[in-house]
Amino acid sequence: MGYKIKSRIWIEADNNVLLGEGRVHLLKAIQKTGSLSKAAKSLDISYKKAWQLLDSVNKSAKKPVTINSIGGKGGGGAELTEYGQALVKAFDEINKNCWDFLDKQLEKIECI
């Protein structure tokens, strides 16, 4: 029988979620697509929900995580700031380290 430990992590700032899996997926999708609306579509969430998540991240972060350009002839766009990219990278590393730690802890259960 194979055991698994299930866990989800998120980072809060003043009781507001700064980053979690959903927010990080959104930030990565913005970086990939170059637009909040395209990112929302790629994740199958509404634009309103995506905007609310991004707004929440920006309000909790020390600095802006995205640079947004207003729509015009070619439409608007969004990209991650260097700070936003660094946050995503840090979250991914924290998440991986958490899973590595939990995998090692699981040995305590498997050895009983």
N, C-alpha and C. Protein backbone atom coordinates (compact mmCIF):
# COMPACT_ATOMS: atom_id res chain seq x y z
N MET A 1 0.86 -1.19 0.00
CA MET A 1 0.00 0.00 0.00
C MET A 1 0.89 1.24 0.00
N GLY A 2 0.63 2.17 -0.91
CA GLY A 2 1.42 3.40 -0.97
C GLY A 2 0.70 4.54 -0.25
N TYR A 3 1.38 5.16 0.68
CA TYR A 3 0.81 6.29 1.41
C TYR A 3 1.23 7.59 0.75
N LYS A 4 0.41 8.61 0.93
CA LYS A 4 0.71 9.95 0.45
C LYS A 4 0.30 10.95 1.52
N ILE A 5 1.07 11.99 1.65
CA ILE A 5 0.67 13.11 2.50
C ILE A 5 0.12 14.17 1.56
N LYS A 6 -1.06 14.69 1.88
CA LYS A 6 -1.67 15.74 1.07
C LYS A 6 -1.51 17.08 1.80
N SER A 7 -1.16 18.09 1.06
CA SER A 7 -0.97 19.40 1.67
C SER A 7 -1.07 20.48 0.60
N ARG A 8 -1.49 21.65 1.01
CA ARG A 8 -1.47 22.84 0.15
C ARG A 8 -0.89 23.97 0.97
N ILE A 9 -0.05 24.74 0.35
CA ILE A 9 0.50 25.88 1.07
C ILE A 9 0.07 27.17 0.40
N TRP A 10 0.03 28.21 1.20
CA TRP A 10 -0.20 29.54 0.67
C TRP A 10 0.53 30.51 1.59
N ILE A 11 0.79 31.68 1.09
CA ILE A 11 1.51 32.70 1.83
C ILE A 11 0.55 33.86 2.05
N GLU A 12 0.45 34.29 3.30
CA GLU A 12 -0.45 35.38 3.65
C GLU A 12 0.34 36.62 4.04
N ALA A 13 -0.28 37.76 3.83
CA ALA A 13 0.25 39.03 4.29
C ALA A 13 -0.90 39.76 4.98
N ASP A 14 -0.77 39.99 6.27
CA ASP A 14 -1.83 40.65 7.04
C ASP A 14 -3.20 39.98 6.85
N ASN A 15 -3.21 38.66 6.98
CA ASN A 15 -4.43 37.84 6.87
C ASN A 15 -5.07 37.83 5.48
N ASN A 16 -4.38 38.34 4.49
CA ASN A 16 -4.84 38.24 3.10
C ASN A 16 -3.89 37.31 2.35
N VAL A 17 -4.44 36.47 1.48
CA VAL A 17 -3.59 35.55 0.73
C VAL A 17 -2.79 36.34 -0.30
N LEU A 18 -1.47 36.21 -0.21
CA LEU A 18 -0.59 36.81 -1.20
C LEU A 18 -0.43 35.83 -2.36
N LEU A 19 -0.01 34.62 -2.04
CA LEU A 19 0.22 33.61 -3.07
C LEU A 19 -0.29 32.26 -2.62
N GLY A 20 -0.82 31.53 -3.57
CA GLY A 20 -1.23 30.15 -3.40
C GLY A 20 -1.19 29.55 -4.79
N GLU A 21 -1.54 28.27 -4.89
CA GLU A 21 -1.46 27.61 -6.19
C GLU A 21 -2.24 28.32 -7.29
N GLY A 22 -3.48 28.71 -6.99
CA GLY A 22 -4.31 29.36 -8.00
C GLY A 22 -3.73 30.67 -8.47
N ARG A 23 -3.27 31.48 -7.53
CA ARG A 23 -2.69 32.77 -7.89
C ARG A 23 -1.41 32.60 -8.71
N VAL A 24 -0.60 31.62 -8.33
CA VAL A 24 0.65 31.37 -9.05
C VAL A 24 0.35 30.86 -10.47
N HIS A 25 -0.65 29.98 -10.61
CA HIS A 25 -1.04 29.52 -11.95
C HIS A 25 -1.47 30.72 -12.81
N LEU A 26 -2.21 31.65 -12.21
CA LEU A 26 -2.65 32.84 -12.94
C LEU A 26 -1.46 33.69 -13.36
N LEU A 27 -0.52 33.93 -12.44
CA LEU A 27 0.65 34.74 -12.77
C LEU A 27 1.47 34.09 -13.89
N LYS A 28 1.63 32.78 -13.83
CA LYS A 28 2.37 32.08 -14.89
C LYS A 28 1.63 32.20 -16.22
N ALA A 29 0.31 32.10 -16.19
CA ALA A 29 -0.48 32.21 -17.42
C ALA A 29 -0.40 33.61 -18.00
N ILE A 30 -0.36 34.63 -17.14
CA ILE A 30 -0.20 36.02 -17.61
C ILE A 30 1.15 36.16 -18.30
N GLN A 31 2.18 35.61 -17.69
CA GLN A 31 3.52 35.70 -18.27
C GLN A 31 3.57 34.99 -19.62
N LYS A 32 2.89 33.86 -19.72
CA LYS A 32 2.90 33.06 -20.95
C LYS A 32 2.07 33.71 -22.06
N THR A 33 0.89 34.24 -21.71
CA THR A 33 -0.03 34.74 -22.73
C THR A 33 0.13 36.24 -23.00
N GLY A 34 0.68 36.98 -22.04
CA GLY A 34 0.84 38.42 -22.21
C GLY A 34 -0.43 39.21 -21.98
N SER A 35 -1.45 38.57 -21.38
CA SER A 35 -2.71 39.27 -21.17
C SER A 35 -3.52 38.59 -20.06
N LEU A 36 -4.20 39.40 -19.27
CA LEU A 36 -5.03 38.86 -18.20
C LEU A 36 -6.22 38.10 -18.78
N SER A 37 -6.84 38.64 -19.82
CA SER A 37 -8.02 37.96 -20.39
C SER A 37 -7.63 36.63 -21.03
N LYS A 38 -6.49 36.58 -21.72
CA LYS A 38 -6.03 35.31 -22.31
C LYS A 38 -5.63 34.33 -21.22
N ALA A 39 -5.02 34.84 -20.15
CA ALA A 39 -4.64 33.98 -19.03
C ALA A 39 -5.89 33.36 -18.39
N ALA A 40 -6.92 34.19 -18.18
CA ALA A 40 -8.17 33.70 -17.59
C ALA A 40 -8.78 32.62 -18.47
N LYS A 41 -8.80 32.88 -19.78
CA LYS A 41 -9.36 31.91 -20.72
C LYS A 41 -8.59 30.60 -20.67
N SER A 42 -7.26 30.68 -20.62
CA SER A 42 -6.43 29.46 -20.61
C SER A 42 -6.63 28.65 -19.34
N LEU A 43 -7.02 29.30 -18.26
CA LEU A 43 -7.26 28.61 -16.99
C LEU A 43 -8.74 28.28 -16.78
N ASP A 44 -9.57 28.66 -17.76
CA ASP A 44 -11.00 28.40 -17.70
C ASP A 44 -11.66 29.06 -16.48
N ILE A 45 -11.25 30.31 -16.21
CA ILE A 45 -11.90 31.09 -15.17
C ILE A 45 -12.37 32.40 -15.80
N SER A 46 -13.33 33.04 -15.16
CA SER A 46 -13.85 34.29 -15.70
C SER A 46 -12.81 35.40 -15.59
N TYR A 47 -12.94 36.38 -16.46
CA TYR A 47 -12.04 37.54 -16.40
C TYR A 47 -12.19 38.23 -15.05
N LYS A 48 -13.43 38.33 -14.56
CA LYS A 48 -13.68 39.00 -13.28
C LYS A 48 -12.94 38.28 -12.15
N LYS A 49 -13.00 36.95 -12.12
CA LYS A 49 -12.32 36.16 -11.09
C LYS A 49 -10.81 36.37 -11.20
N ALA A 50 -10.29 36.33 -12.43
CA ALA A 50 -8.85 36.53 -12.64
C ALA A 50 -8.43 37.92 -12.17
N TRP A 51 -9.24 38.93 -12.51
CA TRP A 51 -8.93 40.29 -12.10
C TRP A 51 -8.92 40.41 -10.58
N GLN A 52 -9.90 39.78 -9.92
CA GLN A 52 -9.98 39.82 -8.45
C GLN A 52 -8.75 39.15 -7.82
N LEU A 53 -8.34 38.00 -8.38
CA LEU A 53 -7.15 37.31 -7.85
C LEU A 53 -5.90 38.17 -8.02
N LEU A 54 -5.74 38.75 -9.20
CA LEU A 54 -4.58 39.59 -9.47
C LEU A 54 -4.59 40.83 -8.59
N ASP A 55 -5.76 41.44 -8.43
CA ASP A 55 -5.89 42.62 -7.58
C ASP A 55 -5.51 42.29 -6.14
N SER A 56 -5.94 41.13 -5.68
CA SER A 56 -5.64 40.67 -4.33
C SER A 56 -4.13 40.50 -4.14
N VAL A 57 -3.47 39.90 -5.13
CA VAL A 57 -2.02 39.72 -5.05
C VAL A 57 -1.34 41.09 -5.02
N ASN A 58 -1.73 41.98 -5.91
CA ASN A 58 -1.10 43.30 -5.98
C ASN A 58 -1.30 44.10 -4.69
N LYS A 59 -2.47 43.96 -4.05
CA LYS A 59 -2.73 44.69 -2.81
C LYS A 59 -1.92 44.12 -1.64
N SER A 60 -1.60 42.82 -1.68
CA SER A 60 -0.87 42.18 -0.59
C SER A 60 0.64 42.24 -0.78
N ALA A 61 1.09 42.42 -2.01
CA ALA A 61 2.52 42.41 -2.32
C ALA A 61 3.17 43.74 -1.96
N LYS A 62 4.49 43.67 -1.73
CA LYS A 62 5.25 44.88 -1.41
C LYS A 62 5.34 45.83 -2.60
N LYS A 63 5.39 45.24 -3.80
CA LYS A 63 5.52 46.01 -5.04
C LYS A 63 4.55 45.42 -6.06
N PRO A 64 4.27 46.13 -7.14
CA PRO A 64 3.39 45.57 -8.19
C PRO A 64 3.98 44.29 -8.78
N VAL A 65 3.11 43.32 -9.05
CA VAL A 65 3.56 42.05 -9.64
C VAL A 65 3.36 42.02 -11.15
N THR A 66 2.55 42.95 -11.66
CA THR A 66 2.33 43.01 -13.11
C THR A 66 2.45 44.44 -13.61
N ILE A 67 2.76 44.53 -14.90
CA ILE A 67 2.72 45.81 -15.62
C ILE A 67 1.57 45.64 -16.61
N ASN A 68 0.60 46.51 -16.51
CA ASN A 68 -0.57 46.42 -17.39
C ASN A 68 -0.56 47.57 -18.39
N SER A 69 -0.90 47.24 -19.63
CA SER A 69 -1.05 48.30 -20.63
C SER A 69 -2.50 48.36 -21.06
N ILE A 70 -3.00 49.56 -21.25
CA ILE A 70 -4.39 49.78 -21.62
C ILE A 70 -4.62 49.32 -23.06
N GLY A 71 -5.81 48.77 -23.28
CA GLY A 71 -6.17 48.31 -24.63
C GLY A 71 -6.16 49.43 -25.64
N GLY A 72 -5.86 49.10 -26.83
CA GLY A 72 -5.84 50.07 -27.92
C GLY A 72 -6.05 49.31 -29.20
N LYS A 73 -5.35 49.71 -30.22
CA LYS A 73 -5.49 49.05 -31.52
C LYS A 73 -5.19 47.56 -31.43
N GLY A 74 -4.11 47.21 -30.75
CA GLY A 74 -3.74 45.80 -30.61
C GLY A 74 -4.28 45.16 -29.35
N GLY A 75 -5.07 45.88 -28.58
CA GLY A 75 -5.57 45.35 -27.32
C GLY A 75 -4.58 45.62 -26.20
N GLY A 76 -5.03 45.44 -24.98
CA GLY A 76 -4.17 45.67 -23.82
C GLY A 76 -3.28 44.48 -23.58
N GLY A 77 -2.52 44.55 -22.54
CA GLY A 77 -1.63 43.45 -22.22
C GLY A 77 -1.21 43.49 -20.77
N ALA A 78 -0.57 42.43 -20.34
CA ALA A 78 -0.05 42.37 -18.98
C ALA A 78 1.18 41.47 -18.99
N GLU A 79 2.13 41.84 -18.18
CA GLU A 79 3.31 41.00 -18.01
C GLU A 79 3.77 41.10 -16.57
N LEU A 80 4.53 40.12 -16.13
CA LEU A 80 5.02 40.14 -14.75
C LEU A 80 6.20 41.08 -14.63
N THR A 81 6.23 41.78 -13.52
CA THR A 81 7.40 42.59 -13.19
C THR A 81 8.51 41.63 -12.75
N GLU A 82 9.71 42.14 -12.60
CA GLU A 82 10.80 41.31 -12.07
C GLU A 82 10.42 40.80 -10.69
N TYR A 83 9.79 41.65 -9.90
CA TYR A 83 9.34 41.25 -8.56
C TYR A 83 8.32 40.12 -8.66
N GLY A 84 7.36 40.24 -9.58
CA GLY A 84 6.36 39.19 -9.76
C GLY A 84 7.00 37.87 -10.17
N GLN A 85 7.97 37.93 -11.07
CA GLN A 85 8.68 36.72 -11.50
C GLN A 85 9.43 36.10 -10.33
N ALA A 86 10.05 36.95 -9.50
CA ALA A 86 10.80 36.45 -8.35
C ALA A 86 9.85 35.80 -7.33
N LEU A 87 8.66 36.38 -7.14
CA LEU A 87 7.68 35.79 -6.23
C LEU A 87 7.26 34.40 -6.70
N VAL A 88 6.98 34.27 -8.00
CA VAL A 88 6.57 32.97 -8.55
C VAL A 88 7.69 31.94 -8.35
N LYS A 89 8.91 32.34 -8.65
CA LYS A 89 10.05 31.43 -8.50
C LYS A 89 10.22 31.01 -7.03
N ALA A 90 10.11 31.97 -6.12
CA ALA A 90 10.26 31.67 -4.70
C ALA A 90 9.15 30.72 -4.23
N PHE A 91 7.92 30.98 -4.68
CA PHE A 91 6.80 30.11 -4.29
C PHE A 91 7.03 28.69 -4.79
N ASP A 92 7.46 28.55 -6.04
CA ASP A 92 7.72 27.22 -6.59
C ASP A 92 8.79 26.48 -5.80
N GLU A 93 9.84 27.20 -5.40
CA GLU A 93 10.92 26.58 -4.61
C GLU A 93 10.41 26.17 -3.23
N ILE A 94 9.65 27.04 -2.59
CA ILE A 94 9.08 26.73 -1.28
C ILE A 94 8.18 25.51 -1.39
N ASN A 95 7.34 25.48 -2.41
CA ASN A 95 6.41 24.37 -2.61
C ASN A 95 7.17 23.06 -2.80
N LYS A 96 8.21 23.09 -3.65
CA LYS A 96 9.01 21.88 -3.89
C LYS A 96 9.69 21.42 -2.61
N ASN A 97 10.28 22.37 -1.88
CA ASN A 97 10.96 22.01 -0.63
C ASN A 97 9.97 21.42 0.37
N CYS A 98 8.75 21.94 0.38
CA CYS A 98 7.71 21.42 1.27
C CYS A 98 7.40 19.97 0.91
N TRP A 99 7.24 19.69 -0.38
CA TRP A 99 6.95 18.32 -0.83
C TRP A 99 8.10 17.38 -0.53
N ASP A 100 9.34 17.84 -0.73
CA ASP A 100 10.52 17.01 -0.41
C ASP A 100 10.52 16.67 1.08
N PHE A 101 10.24 17.67 1.92
CA PHE A 101 10.19 17.46 3.36
C PHE A 101 9.08 16.46 3.72
N LEU A 102 7.90 16.64 3.15
CA LEU A 102 6.78 15.75 3.46
C LEU A 102 7.05 14.32 3.00
N ASP A 103 7.70 14.16 1.85
CA ASP A 103 8.05 12.82 1.38
C ASP A 103 8.97 12.12 2.38
N LYS A 104 9.92 12.87 2.94
CA LYS A 104 10.81 12.29 3.95
C LYS A 104 10.05 11.94 5.22
N GLN A 105 9.10 12.81 5.61
CA GLN A 105 8.31 12.56 6.81
C GLN A 105 7.44 11.32 6.67
N LEU A 106 7.02 11.04 5.44
CA LEU A 106 6.15 9.90 5.18
C LEU A 106 6.84 8.58 5.55
N GLU A 107 8.15 8.58 5.49
CA GLU A 107 8.90 7.37 5.86
C GLU A 107 8.59 6.96 7.30
N LYS A 108 8.26 7.90 8.15
CA LYS A 108 7.91 7.60 9.55
C LYS A 108 6.67 6.73 9.63
N ILE A 109 5.73 6.97 8.74
CA ILE A 109 4.48 6.19 8.70
C ILE A 109 4.71 4.83 8.03
N GLU A 110 5.48 4.85 6.96
CA GLU A 110 5.71 3.62 6.20
C GLU A 110 6.54 2.60 6.98
N CYS A 111 7.33 3.09 7.94
CA CYS A 111 8.20 2.19 8.72
C CYS A 111 7.50 1.59 9.93
N ILE A 112 6.29 1.98 10.19
CA ILE A 112 5.56 1.46 11.38
C ILE A 112 5.01 0.09 11.06
